[in-house]
Amino acid sequence: MKNKKDEQVVSKVEPTESNTMQVNIRMQHGEHSGQPLYSNFTSIQGGQGVVIVDFGFLDPQTINSLSRSTRSADKVPETVDARILSRMAISVDAAKNLAQQLNHAFQSKS
């Protein structure tokens, strides 16, 4: 049985036909979701009715090397290898909701 600290409460805004309704949803950790992943870049692709979001990690040394190459006008590689940590396929409606939540989070931070 999971205790209260393992639960995350999320306020979710669901569009309805004529107005917006706020519903509190209690998300509980699944078998592998308790371990946080750190991502320093994302890649988004559109599909038929879904948005695919890849969360990845690029080694900080590679980022520094690219930054130095750019500043010194050295040749920058065409491709850089990175590791996908997680791939999420979400509905277009869920992606719009995520975008609204992210925008709200950024606005309240500034």
PDB file of N, CA and C in Angstrom:
ATOM      1  N   MET A   1       0.835  -1.188   0.000  1.00  0.00           N
ATOM      2  CA  MET A   1       0.000   0.000   0.000  1.00  0.00           C
ATOM      3  C   MET A   1       0.876   1.247   0.000  1.00  0.00           C
ATOM      4  N   LYS A   2       0.508   2.196  -0.766  1.00  0.00           N
ATOM      5  CA  LYS A   2       1.285   3.433  -0.885  1.00  0.00           C
ATOM      6  C   LYS A   2       0.829   4.423   0.173  1.00  0.00           C
ATOM      7  N   ASN A   3       1.781   5.220   0.660  1.00  0.00           N
ATOM      8  CA  ASN A   3       1.409   6.231   1.637  1.00  0.00           C
ATOM      9  C   ASN A   3       1.216   7.567   0.947  1.00  0.00           C
ATOM     10  N   LYS A   4       0.811   8.578   1.703  1.00  0.00           N
ATOM     11  CA  LYS A   4       0.480   9.899   1.161  1.00  0.00           C
ATOM     12  C   LYS A   4       1.648  10.544   0.435  1.00  0.00           C
ATOM     13  N   LYS A   5       2.876  10.349   0.913  1.00  0.00           N
ATOM     14  CA  LYS A   5       4.006  11.011   0.269  1.00  0.00           C
ATOM     15  C   LYS A   5       4.289  10.448  -1.116  1.00  0.00           C
ATOM     16  N   ASP A   6       3.789   9.247  -1.433  1.00  0.00           N
ATOM     17  CA  ASP A   6       3.976   8.657  -2.751  1.00  0.00           C
ATOM     18  C   ASP A   6       2.952   9.140  -3.760  1.00  0.00           C
ATOM     19  N   GLU A   7       2.017   9.977  -3.341  1.00  0.00           N
ATOM     20  CA  GLU A   7       0.970  10.446  -4.229  1.00  0.00           C
ATOM     21  C   GLU A   7       1.261  11.873  -4.673  1.00  0.00           C
ATOM     22  N   GLN A   8       0.822  12.179  -5.854  1.00  0.00           N
ATOM     23  CA  GLN A   8       0.989  13.523  -6.394  1.00  0.00           C
ATOM     24  C   GLN A   8      -0.392  14.025  -6.768  1.00  0.00           C
ATOM     25  N   VAL A   9      -0.759  15.200  -6.269  1.00  0.00           N
ATOM     26  CA  VAL A   9      -2.051  15.774  -6.604  1.00  0.00           C
ATOM     27  C   VAL A   9      -1.843  16.783  -7.711  1.00  0.00           C
ATOM     28  N   VAL A  10      -2.613  16.627  -8.768  1.00  0.00           N
ATOM     29  CA  VAL A  10      -2.484  17.485  -9.935  1.00  0.00           C
ATOM     30  C   VAL A  10      -3.827  18.119 -10.211  1.00  0.00           C
ATOM     31  N   SER A  11      -3.836  19.415 -10.425  1.00  0.00           N
ATOM     32  CA  SER A  11      -5.057  20.077 -10.862  1.00  0.00           C
ATOM     33  C   SER A  11      -5.070  20.040 -12.369  1.00  0.00           C
ATOM     34  N   LYS A  12      -6.113  19.501 -12.916  1.00  0.00           N
ATOM     35  CA  LYS A  12      -6.208  19.341 -14.355  1.00  0.00           C
ATOM     36  C   LYS A  12      -7.401  20.108 -14.868  1.00  0.00           C
ATOM     37  N   VAL A  13      -7.207  20.827 -15.951  1.00  0.00           N
ATOM     38  CA  VAL A  13      -8.289  21.585 -16.561  1.00  0.00           C
ATOM     39  C   VAL A  13      -8.778  20.788 -17.755  1.00  0.00           C
ATOM     40  N   GLU A  14     -10.030  20.425 -17.748  1.00  0.00           N
ATOM     41  CA  GLU A  14     -10.636  19.667 -18.834  1.00  0.00           C
ATOM     42  C   GLU A  14     -11.620  20.548 -19.580  1.00  0.00           C
ATOM     43  N   PRO A  15     -11.453  20.695 -20.892  1.00  0.00           N
ATOM     44  CA  PRO A  15     -12.428  21.493 -21.637  1.00  0.00           C
ATOM     45  C   PRO A  15     -13.743  20.741 -21.776  1.00  0.00           C
ATOM     46  N   THR A  16     -14.823  21.466 -21.706  1.00  0.00           N
ATOM     47  CA  THR A  16     -16.138  20.906 -21.976  1.00  0.00           C
ATOM     48  C   THR A  16     -16.714  21.664 -23.159  1.00  0.00           C
ATOM     49  N   GLU A  17     -17.951  21.386 -23.502  1.00  0.00           N
ATOM     50  CA  GLU A  17     -18.541  22.011 -24.677  1.00  0.00           C
ATOM     51  C   GLU A  17     -18.550  23.531 -24.592  1.00  0.00           C
ATOM     52  N   SER A  18     -18.940  24.103 -23.455  1.00  0.00           N
ATOM     53  CA  SER A  18     -19.098  25.548 -23.412  1.00  0.00           C
ATOM     54  C   SER A  18     -18.246  26.246 -22.360  1.00  0.00           C
ATOM     55  N   ASN A  19     -17.632  25.507 -21.453  1.00  0.00           N
ATOM     56  CA  ASN A  19     -16.838  26.165 -20.426  1.00  0.00           C
ATOM     57  C   ASN A  19     -15.714  25.250 -19.952  1.00  0.00           C
ATOM     58  N   THR A  20     -14.971  25.712 -18.980  1.00  0.00           N
ATOM     59  CA  THR A  20     -13.859  24.963 -18.441  1.00  0.00           C
ATOM     60  C   THR A  20     -14.196  24.510 -17.029  1.00  0.00           C
ATOM     61  N   MET A  21     -13.830  23.273 -16.725  1.00  0.00           N
ATOM     62  CA  MET A  21     -14.092  22.711 -15.411  1.00  0.00           C
ATOM     63  C   MET A  21     -12.756  22.258 -14.817  1.00  0.00           C
ATOM     64  N   GLN A  22     -12.539  22.515 -13.545  1.00  0.00           N
ATOM     65  CA  GLN A  22     -11.314  22.077 -12.898  1.00  0.00           C
ATOM     66  C   GLN A  22     -11.629  20.859 -12.049  1.00  0.00           C
ATOM     67  N   VAL A  23     -10.815  19.820 -12.226  1.00  0.00           N
ATOM     68  CA  VAL A  23     -10.993  18.577 -11.493  1.00  0.00           C
ATOM     69  C   VAL A  23      -9.662  18.227 -10.858  1.00  0.00           C
ATOM     70  N   ASN A  24      -9.645  17.894  -9.596  1.00  0.00           N
ATOM     71  CA  ASN A  24      -8.420  17.440  -8.936  1.00  0.00           C
ATOM     72  C   ASN A  24      -8.270  15.949  -9.184  1.00  0.00           C
ATOM     73  N   ILE A  25      -7.109  15.566  -9.675  1.00  0.00           N
ATOM     74  CA  ILE A  25      -6.824  14.169  -9.964  1.00  0.00           C
ATOM     75  C   ILE A  25      -5.634  13.765  -9.106  1.00  0.00           C
ATOM     76  N   ARG A  26      -5.767  12.667  -8.424  1.00  0.00           N
ATOM     77  CA  ARG A  26      -4.685  12.168  -7.574  1.00  0.00           C
ATOM     78  C   ARG A  26      -3.923  11.099  -8.364  1.00  0.00           C
ATOM     79  N   MET A  27      -2.678  11.414  -8.726  1.00  0.00           N
ATOM     80  CA  MET A  27      -1.854  10.472  -9.480  1.00  0.00           C
ATOM     81  C   MET A  27      -0.973   9.713  -8.500  1.00  0.00           C
ATOM     82  N   GLN A  28      -0.982   8.403  -8.625  1.00  0.00           N
ATOM     83  CA  GLN A  28      -0.145   7.574  -7.763  1.00  0.00           C
ATOM     84  C   GLN A  28       0.981   6.980  -8.597  1.00  0.00           C
ATOM     85  N   HIS A  29       2.135   6.799  -7.964  1.00  0.00           N
ATOM     86  CA  HIS A  29       3.282   6.244  -8.666  1.00  0.00           C
ATOM     87  C   HIS A  29       2.986   4.812  -9.097  1.00  0.00           C
ATOM     88  N   GLY A  30       3.370   4.503 -10.321  1.00  0.00           N
ATOM     89  CA  GLY A  30       3.297   3.134 -10.809  1.00  0.00           C
ATOM     90  C   GLY A  30       4.556   2.388 -10.417  1.00  0.00           C
ATOM     91  N   GLU A  31       4.710   1.225 -10.976  1.00  0.00           N
ATOM     92  CA  GLU A  31       5.827   0.366 -10.614  1.00  0.00           C
ATOM     93  C   GLU A  31       7.187   1.012 -10.867  1.00  0.00           C
ATOM     94  N   HIS A  32       7.328   1.716 -11.995  1.00  0.00           N
ATOM     95  CA  HIS A  32       8.627   2.298 -12.352  1.00  0.00           C
ATOM     96  C   HIS A  32       8.629   3.818 -12.347  1.00  0.00           C
ATOM     97  N   SER A  33       7.569   4.446 -11.901  1.00  0.00           N
ATOM     98  CA  SER A  33       7.485   5.906 -12.008  1.00  0.00           C
ATOM     99  C   SER A  33       8.013   6.653 -10.796  1.00  0.00           C
ATOM    100  N   GLY A  34       8.389   5.982  -9.749  1.00  0.00           N
ATOM    101  CA  GLY A  34       8.850   6.653  -8.541  1.00  0.00           C
ATOM    102  C   GLY A  34      10.224   7.275  -8.672  1.00  0.00           C
ATOM    103  N   GLN A  35      11.002   6.830  -9.646  1.00  0.00           N
ATOM    104  CA  GLN A  35      12.348   7.343  -9.834  1.00  0.00           C
ATOM    105  C   GLN A  35      12.322   8.515 -10.812  1.00  0.00           C
ATOM    106  N   PRO A  36      12.699   9.716 -10.360  1.00  0.00           N
ATOM    107  CA  PRO A  36      12.691  10.863 -11.280  1.00  0.00           C
ATOM    108  C   PRO A  36      13.800  10.721 -12.322  1.00  0.00           C
ATOM    109  N   LEU A  37      13.532  11.225 -13.514  1.00  0.00           N
ATOM    110  CA  LEU A  37      14.505  11.254 -14.591  1.00  0.00           C
ATOM    111  C   LEU A  37      14.848  12.707 -14.884  1.00  0.00           C
ATOM    112  N   TYR A  38      16.103  12.974 -15.168  1.00  0.00           N
ATOM    113  CA  TYR A  38      16.511  14.328 -15.521  1.00  0.00           C
ATOM    114  C   TYR A  38      16.697  14.389 -17.032  1.00  0.00           C
ATOM    115  N   SER A  39      16.040  15.348 -17.648  1.00  0.00           N
ATOM    116  CA  SER A  39      16.143  15.553 -19.087  1.00  0.00           C
ATOM    117  C   SER A  39      16.617  16.970 -19.330  1.00  0.00           C
ATOM    118  N   ASN A  40      17.571  17.131 -20.269  1.00  0.00           N
ATOM    119  CA  ASN A  40      18.011  18.483 -20.593  1.00  0.00           C
ATOM    120  C   ASN A  40      17.678  18.873 -22.038  1.00  0.00           C
ATOM    121  N   PHE A  41      16.877  18.049 -22.714  1.00  0.00           N
ATOM    122  CA  PHE A  41      16.306  18.456 -23.991  1.00  0.00           C
ATOM    123  C   PHE A  41      15.103  17.578 -24.323  1.00  0.00           C
ATOM    124  N   THR A  42      14.282  18.070 -25.223  1.00  0.00           N
ATOM    125  CA  THR A  42      13.110  17.324 -25.676  1.00  0.00           C
ATOM    126  C   THR A  42      13.015  17.408 -27.191  1.00  0.00           C
ATOM    127  N   SER A  43      12.302  16.454 -27.735  1.00  0.00           N
ATOM    128  CA  SER A  43      12.013  16.436 -29.160  1.00  0.00           C
ATOM    129  C   SER A  43      10.542  16.073 -29.310  1.00  0.00           C
ATOM    130  N   ILE A  44       9.835  16.807 -30.163  1.00  0.00           N
ATOM    131  CA  ILE A  44       8.397  16.595 -30.321  1.00  0.00           C
ATOM    132  C   ILE A  44       8.094  16.268 -31.772  1.00  0.00           C
ATOM    133  N   GLN A  45       7.256  15.248 -31.955  1.00  0.00           N
ATOM    134  CA  GLN A  45       6.807  14.855 -33.287  1.00  0.00           C
ATOM    135  C   GLN A  45       5.296  14.727 -33.268  1.00  0.00           C
ATOM    136  N   GLY A  46       4.668  15.138 -34.330  1.00  0.00           N
ATOM    137  CA  GLY A  46       3.225  14.996 -34.439  1.00  0.00           C
ATOM    138  C   GLY A  46       2.874  13.711 -35.155  1.00  0.00           C
ATOM    139  N   GLY A  47       1.803  13.106 -34.720  1.00  0.00           N
ATOM    140  CA  GLY A  47       1.283  11.915 -35.372  1.00  0.00           C
ATOM    141  C   GLY A  47      -0.196  12.111 -35.606  1.00  0.00           C
ATOM    142  N   GLN A  48      -0.865  11.070 -36.022  1.00  0.00           N
ATOM    143  CA  GLN A  48      -2.297  11.157 -36.280  1.00  0.00           C
ATOM    144  C   GLN A  48      -3.041  11.071 -34.942  1.00  0.00           C
ATOM    145  N   GLY A  49      -3.458  12.239 -34.436  1.00  0.00           N
ATOM    146  CA  GLY A  49      -4.204  12.295 -33.188  1.00  0.00           C
ATOM    147  C   GLY A  49      -3.364  12.210 -31.931  1.00  0.00           C
ATOM    148  N   VAL A  50      -2.039  12.122 -32.087  1.00  0.00           N
ATOM    149  CA  VAL A  50      -1.153  12.054 -30.926  1.00  0.00           C
ATOM    150  C   VAL A  50       0.046  12.971 -31.122  1.00  0.00           C
ATOM    151  N   VAL A  51       0.660  13.307 -30.026  1.00  0.00           N
ATOM    152  CA  VAL A  51       1.922  14.037 -30.020  1.00  0.00           C
ATOM    153  C   VAL A  51       2.920  13.140 -29.299  1.00  0.00           C
ATOM    154  N   ILE A  52       4.056  12.912 -29.927  1.00  0.00           N
ATOM    155  CA  ILE A  52       5.086  12.072 -29.324  1.00  0.00           C
ATOM    156  C   ILE A  52       6.173  12.982 -28.785  1.00  0.00           C
ATOM    157  N   VAL A  53       6.441  12.859 -27.493  1.00  0.00           N
ATOM    158  CA  VAL A  53       7.448  13.688 -26.838  1.00  0.00           C
ATOM    159  C   VAL A  53       8.559  12.772 -26.343  1.00  0.00           C
ATOM    160  N   ASP A  54       9.764  13.012 -26.842  1.00  0.00           N
ATOM    161  CA  ASP A  54      10.941  12.290 -26.369  1.00  0.00           C
ATOM    162  C   ASP A  54      11.674  13.187 -25.382  1.00  0.00           C
ATOM    163  N   PHE A  55      11.950  12.651 -24.206  1.00  0.00           N
ATOM    164  CA  PHE A  55      12.752  13.348 -23.203  1.00  0.00           C
ATOM    165  C   PHE A  55      14.133  12.721 -23.258  1.00  0.00           C
ATOM    166  N   GLY A  56      15.139  13.553 -23.442  1.00  0.00           N
ATOM    167  CA  GLY A  56      16.477  13.012 -23.614  1.00  0.00           C
ATOM    168  C   GLY A  56      17.498  13.652 -22.714  1.00  0.00           C
ATOM    169  N   PHE A  57      18.690  13.089 -22.766  1.00  0.00           N
ATOM    170  CA  PHE A  57      19.800  13.605 -21.976  1.00  0.00           C
ATOM    171  C   PHE A  57      21.019  13.711 -22.882  1.00  0.00           C
ATOM    172  N   LEU A  58      21.590  14.887 -22.901  1.00  0.00           N
ATOM    173  CA  LEU A  58      22.805  15.163 -23.650  1.00  0.00           C
ATOM    174  C   LEU A  58      23.908  15.429 -22.635  1.00  0.00           C
ATOM    175  N   ASP A  59      24.995  14.708 -22.759  1.00  0.00           N
ATOM    176  CA  ASP A  59      26.111  14.827 -21.821  1.00  0.00           C
ATOM    177  C   ASP A  59      26.559  16.284 -21.717  1.00  0.00           C
ATOM    178  N   PRO A  60      26.718  16.819 -20.508  1.00  0.00           N
ATOM    179  CA  PRO A  60      27.149  18.214 -20.339  1.00  0.00           C
ATOM    180  C   PRO A  60      28.476  18.526 -21.028  1.00  0.00           C
ATOM    181  N   GLN A  61      29.390  17.557 -21.105  1.00  0.00           N
ATOM    182  CA  GLN A  61      30.656  17.786 -21.807  1.00  0.00           C
ATOM    183  C   GLN A  61      30.411  18.045 -23.290  1.00  0.00           C
ATOM    184  N   THR A  62      29.443  17.346 -23.856  1.00  0.00           N
ATOM    185  CA  THR A  62      29.104  17.555 -25.263  1.00  0.00           C
ATOM    186  C   THR A  62      28.520  18.944 -25.462  1.00  0.00           C
ATOM    187  N   ILE A  63      27.651  19.365 -24.554  1.00  0.00           N
ATOM    188  CA  ILE A  63      27.062  20.708 -24.634  1.00  0.00           C
ATOM    189  C   ILE A  63      28.165  21.763 -24.568  1.00  0.00           C
ATOM    190  N   ASN A  64      29.100  21.603 -23.633  1.00  0.00           N
ATOM    191  CA  ASN A  64      30.219  22.552 -23.504  1.00  0.00           C
ATOM    192  C   ASN A  64      31.084  22.556 -24.755  1.00  0.00           C
ATOM    193  N   SER A  65      31.338  21.384 -25.302  1.00  0.00           N
ATOM    194  CA  SER A  65      32.151  21.283 -26.518  1.00  0.00           C
ATOM    195  C   SER A  65      31.471  21.990 -27.689  1.00  0.00           C
ATOM    196  N   LEU A  66      30.161  21.794 -27.829  1.00  0.00           N
ATOM    197  CA  LEU A  66      29.414  22.473 -28.890  1.00  0.00           C
ATOM    198  C   LEU A  66      29.443  23.985 -28.702  1.00  0.00           C
ATOM    199  N   SER A  67      29.299  24.415 -27.467  1.00  0.00           N
ATOM    200  CA  SER A  67      29.320  25.841 -27.161  1.00  0.00           C
ATOM    201  C   SER A  67      30.671  26.458 -27.519  1.00  0.00           C
ATOM    202  N   ARG A  68      31.771  25.772 -27.155  1.00  0.00           N
ATOM    203  CA  ARG A  68      33.121  26.257 -27.485  1.00  0.00           C
ATOM    204  C   ARG A  68      33.322  26.311 -29.003  1.00  0.00           C
ATOM    205  N   SER A  69      32.851  25.279 -29.696  1.00  0.00           N
ATOM    206  CA  SER A  69      33.003  25.241 -31.159  1.00  0.00           C
ATOM    207  C   SER A  69      32.251  26.385 -31.817  1.00  0.00           C
ATOM    208  N   THR A  70      31.086  26.688 -31.318  1.00  0.00           N
ATOM    209  CA  THR A  70      30.281  27.772 -31.870  1.00  0.00           C
ATOM    210  C   THR A  70      30.960  29.120 -31.643  1.00  0.00           C
ATOM    211  N   ARG A  71      31.479  29.350 -30.433  1.00  0.00           N
ATOM    212  CA  ARG A  71      32.145  30.620 -30.115  1.00  0.00           C
ATOM    213  C   ARG A  71      33.420  30.834 -30.915  1.00  0.00           C
ATOM    214  N   SER A  72      34.155  29.754 -31.166  1.00  0.00           N
ATOM    215  CA  SER A  72      35.440  29.898 -31.864  1.00  0.00           C
ATOM    216  C   SER A  72      35.312  29.685 -33.371  1.00  0.00           C
ATOM    217  N   ALA A  73      34.094  29.548 -33.861  1.00  0.00           N
ATOM    218  CA  ALA A  73      33.812  29.357 -35.293  1.00  0.00           C
ATOM    219  C   ALA A  73      34.404  28.070 -35.840  1.00  0.00           C
ATOM    220  N   ASP A  74      34.642  27.101 -34.960  1.00  0.00           N
ATOM    221  CA  ASP A  74      35.096  25.782 -35.403  1.00  0.00           C
ATOM    222  C   ASP A  74      33.926  25.040 -36.039  1.00  0.00           C
ATOM    223  N   LYS A  75      34.258  23.980 -36.731  1.00  0.00           N
ATOM    224  CA  LYS A  75      33.225  23.167 -37.363  1.00  0.00           C
ATOM    225  C   LYS A  75      32.408  22.452 -36.278  1.00  0.00           C
ATOM    226  N   VAL A  76      31.087  22.569 -36.397  1.00  0.00           N
ATOM    227  CA  VAL A  76      30.174  21.919 -35.458  1.00  0.00           C
ATOM    228  C   VAL A  76      29.670  20.633 -36.115  1.00  0.00           C
ATOM    229  N   PRO A  77      29.654  19.527 -35.395  1.00  0.00           N
ATOM    230  CA  PRO A  77      29.198  18.278 -36.004  1.00  0.00           C
ATOM    231  C   PRO A  77      27.747  18.373 -36.462  1.00  0.00           C
ATOM    232  N   GLU A  78      27.442  17.674 -37.552  1.00  0.00           N
ATOM    233  CA  GLU A  78      26.075  17.667 -38.068  1.00  0.00           C
ATOM    234  C   GLU A  78      25.138  16.898 -37.149  1.00  0.00           C
ATOM    235  N   THR A  79      25.647  15.871 -36.490  1.00  0.00           N
ATOM    236  CA  THR A  79      24.834  15.023 -35.621  1.00  0.00           C
ATOM    237  C   THR A  79      25.541  14.834 -34.291  1.00  0.00           C
ATOM    238  N   VAL A  80      24.777  14.885 -33.234  1.00  0.00           N
ATOM    239  CA  VAL A  80      25.287  14.638 -31.888  1.00  0.00           C
ATOM    240  C   VAL A  80      24.443  13.512 -31.286  1.00  0.00           C
ATOM    241  N   ASP A  81      25.105  12.537 -30.710  1.00  0.00           N
ATOM    242  CA  ASP A  81      24.390  11.429 -30.103  1.00  0.00           C
ATOM    243  C   ASP A  81      23.902  11.803 -28.704  1.00  0.00           C
ATOM    244  N   ALA A  82      22.695  11.400 -28.414  1.00  0.00           N
ATOM    245  CA  ALA A  82      22.107  11.620 -27.097  1.00  0.00           C
ATOM    246  C   ALA A  82      21.309  10.377 -26.735  1.00  0.00           C
ATOM    247  N   ARG A  83      20.855  10.314 -25.516  1.00  0.00           N
ATOM    248  CA  ARG A  83      20.127   9.153 -25.022  1.00  0.00           C
ATOM    249  C   ARG A  83      18.685   9.538 -24.737  1.00  0.00           C
ATOM    250  N   ILE A  84      17.731   8.784 -25.293  1.00  0.00           N
ATOM    251  CA  ILE A  84      16.320   8.993 -24.962  1.00  0.00           C
ATOM    252  C   ILE A  84      16.058   8.340 -23.609  1.00  0.00           C
ATOM    253  N   LEU A  85      15.545   9.126 -22.678  1.00  0.00           N
ATOM    254  CA  LEU A  85      15.219   8.606 -21.357  1.00  0.00           C
ATOM    255  C   LEU A  85      13.797   8.083 -21.290  1.00  0.00           C
ATOM    256  N   SER A  86      12.911   8.765 -22.011  1.00  0.00           N
ATOM    257  CA  SER A  86      11.505   8.392 -21.954  1.00  0.00           C
ATOM    258  C   SER A  86      10.809   8.898 -23.207  1.00  0.00           C
ATOM    259  N   ARG A  87       9.871   8.135 -23.705  1.00  0.00           N
ATOM    260  CA  ARG A  87       9.050   8.546 -24.845  1.00  0.00           C
ATOM    261  C   ARG A  87       7.597   8.481 -24.393  1.00  0.00           C
ATOM    262  N   MET A  88       6.902   9.588 -24.611  1.00  0.00           N
ATOM    263  CA  MET A  88       5.494   9.659 -24.237  1.00  0.00           C
ATOM    264  C   MET A  88       4.674   9.928 -25.487  1.00  0.00           C
ATOM    265  N   ALA A  89       3.621   9.180 -25.670  1.00  0.00           N
ATOM    266  CA  ALA A  89       2.660   9.442 -26.739  1.00  0.00           C
ATOM    267  C   ALA A  89       1.393   9.918 -26.043  1.00  0.00           C
ATOM    268  N   ILE A  90       1.017  11.161 -26.305  1.00  0.00           N
ATOM    269  CA  ILE A  90      -0.150  11.730 -25.629  1.00  0.00           C
ATOM    270  C   ILE A  90      -1.121  12.272 -26.673  1.00  0.00           C
ATOM    271  N   SER A  91      -2.376  12.314 -26.286  1.00  0.00           N
ATOM    272  CA  SER A  91      -3.383  12.828 -27.207  1.00  0.00           C
ATOM    273  C   SER A  91      -3.147  14.313 -27.459  1.00  0.00           C
ATOM    274  N   VAL A  92      -3.692  14.803 -28.566  1.00  0.00           N
ATOM    275  CA  VAL A  92      -3.557  16.219 -28.889  1.00  0.00           C
ATOM    276  C   VAL A  92      -4.171  17.068 -27.785  1.00  0.00           C
ATOM    277  N   ASP A  93      -5.329  16.651 -27.258  1.00  0.00           N
ATOM    278  CA  ASP A  93      -5.964  17.398 -26.164  1.00  0.00           C
ATOM    279  C   ASP A  93      -5.081  17.427 -24.925  1.00  0.00           C
ATOM    280  N   ALA A  94      -4.455  16.302 -24.589  1.00  0.00           N
ATOM    281  CA  ALA A  94      -3.561  16.269 -23.430  1.00  0.00           C
ATOM    282  C   ALA A  94      -2.340  17.149 -23.677  1.00  0.00           C
ATOM    283  N   ALA A  95      -1.842  17.190 -24.915  1.00  0.00           N
ATOM    284  CA  ALA A  95      -0.698  18.048 -25.238  1.00  0.00           C
ATOM    285  C   ALA A  95      -1.062  19.517 -25.092  1.00  0.00           C
ATOM    286  N   LYS A  96      -2.260  19.895 -25.530  1.00  0.00           N
ATOM    287  CA  LYS A  96      -2.713  21.280 -25.357  1.00  0.00           C
ATOM    288  C   LYS A  96      -2.828  21.619 -23.875  1.00  0.00           C
ATOM    289  N   ASN A  97      -3.358  20.686 -23.099  1.00  0.00           N
ATOM    290  CA  ASN A  97      -3.487  20.894 -21.657  1.00  0.00           C
ATOM    291  C   ASN A  97      -2.104  21.038 -21.011  1.00  0.00           C
ATOM    292  N   LEU A  98      -1.153  20.217 -21.432  1.00  0.00           N
ATOM    293  CA  LEU A  98       0.214  20.309 -20.921  1.00  0.00           C
ATOM    294  C   LEU A  98       0.821  21.665 -21.254  1.00  0.00           C
ATOM    295  N   ALA A  99       0.621  22.128 -22.484  1.00  0.00           N
ATOM    296  CA  ALA A  99       1.151  23.434 -22.891  1.00  0.00           C
ATOM    297  C   ALA A  99       0.565  24.548 -22.020  1.00  0.00           C
ATOM    298  N   GLN A 100      -0.733  24.480 -21.738  1.00  0.00           N
ATOM    299  CA  GLN A 100      -1.366  25.488 -20.876  1.00  0.00           C
ATOM    300  C   GLN A 100      -0.782  25.441 -19.473  1.00  0.00           C
ATOM    301  N   GLN A 101      -0.586  24.236 -18.937  1.00  0.00           N
ATOM    302  CA  GLN A 101      -0.026  24.104 -17.592  1.00  0.00           C
ATOM    303  C   GLN A 101       1.403  24.619 -17.539  1.00  0.00           C
ATOM    304  N   LEU A 102       2.209  24.323 -18.560  1.00  0.00           N
ATOM    305  CA  LEU A 102       3.584  24.822 -18.596  1.00  0.00           C
ATOM    306  C   LEU A 102       3.610  26.341 -18.696  1.00  0.00           C
ATOM    307  N   ASN A 103       2.782  26.904 -19.568  1.00  0.00           N
ATOM    308  CA  ASN A 103       2.714  28.363 -19.685  1.00  0.00           C
ATOM    309  C   ASN A 103       2.316  29.004 -18.367  1.00  0.00           C
ATOM    310  N   HIS A 104       1.349  28.423 -17.683  1.00  0.00           N
ATOM    311  CA  HIS A 104       0.916  28.947 -16.381  1.00  0.00           C
ATOM    312  C   HIS A 104       2.063  28.867 -15.367  1.00  0.00           C
ATOM    313  N   ALA A 105       2.786  27.749 -15.370  1.00  0.00           N
ATOM    314  CA  ALA A 105       3.901  27.591 -14.438  1.00  0.00           C
ATOM    315  C   ALA A 105       4.996  28.619 -14.708  1.00  0.00           C
ATOM    316  N   PHE A 106       5.288  28.889 -15.983  1.00  0.00           N
ATOM    317  CA  PHE A 106       6.321  29.864 -16.321  1.00  0.00           C
ATOM    318  C   PHE A 106       5.874  31.279 -16.005  1.00  0.00           C
ATOM    319  N   GLN A 107       4.610  31.589 -16.218  1.00  0.00           N
ATOM    320  CA  GLN A 107       4.107  32.922 -15.917  1.00  0.00           C
ATOM    321  C   GLN A 107       4.135  33.201 -14.419  1.00  0.00           C
ATOM    322  N   SER A 108       3.815  32.203 -13.624  1.00  0.00           N
ATOM    323  CA  SER A 108       3.800  32.417 -12.180  1.00  0.00           C
ATOM    324  C   SER A 108       5.219  32.494 -11.612  1.00  0.00           C
ATOM    325  N   LYS A 109       6.211  31.989 -12.332  1.00  0.00           N
ATOM    326  CA  LYS A 109       7.615  32.049 -11.871  1.00  0.00           C
ATOM    327  C   LYS A 109       8.260  33.390 -12.193  1.00  0.00           C
ATOM    328  N   SER A 110       7.724  34.112 -13.190  1.00  0.00           N
ATOM    329  CA  SER A 110       8.365  35.372 -13.576  1.00  0.00           C
ATOM    330  C   SER A 110       7.699  36.579 -12.993  1.00  0.00           C
TER     331      SER A 110
END
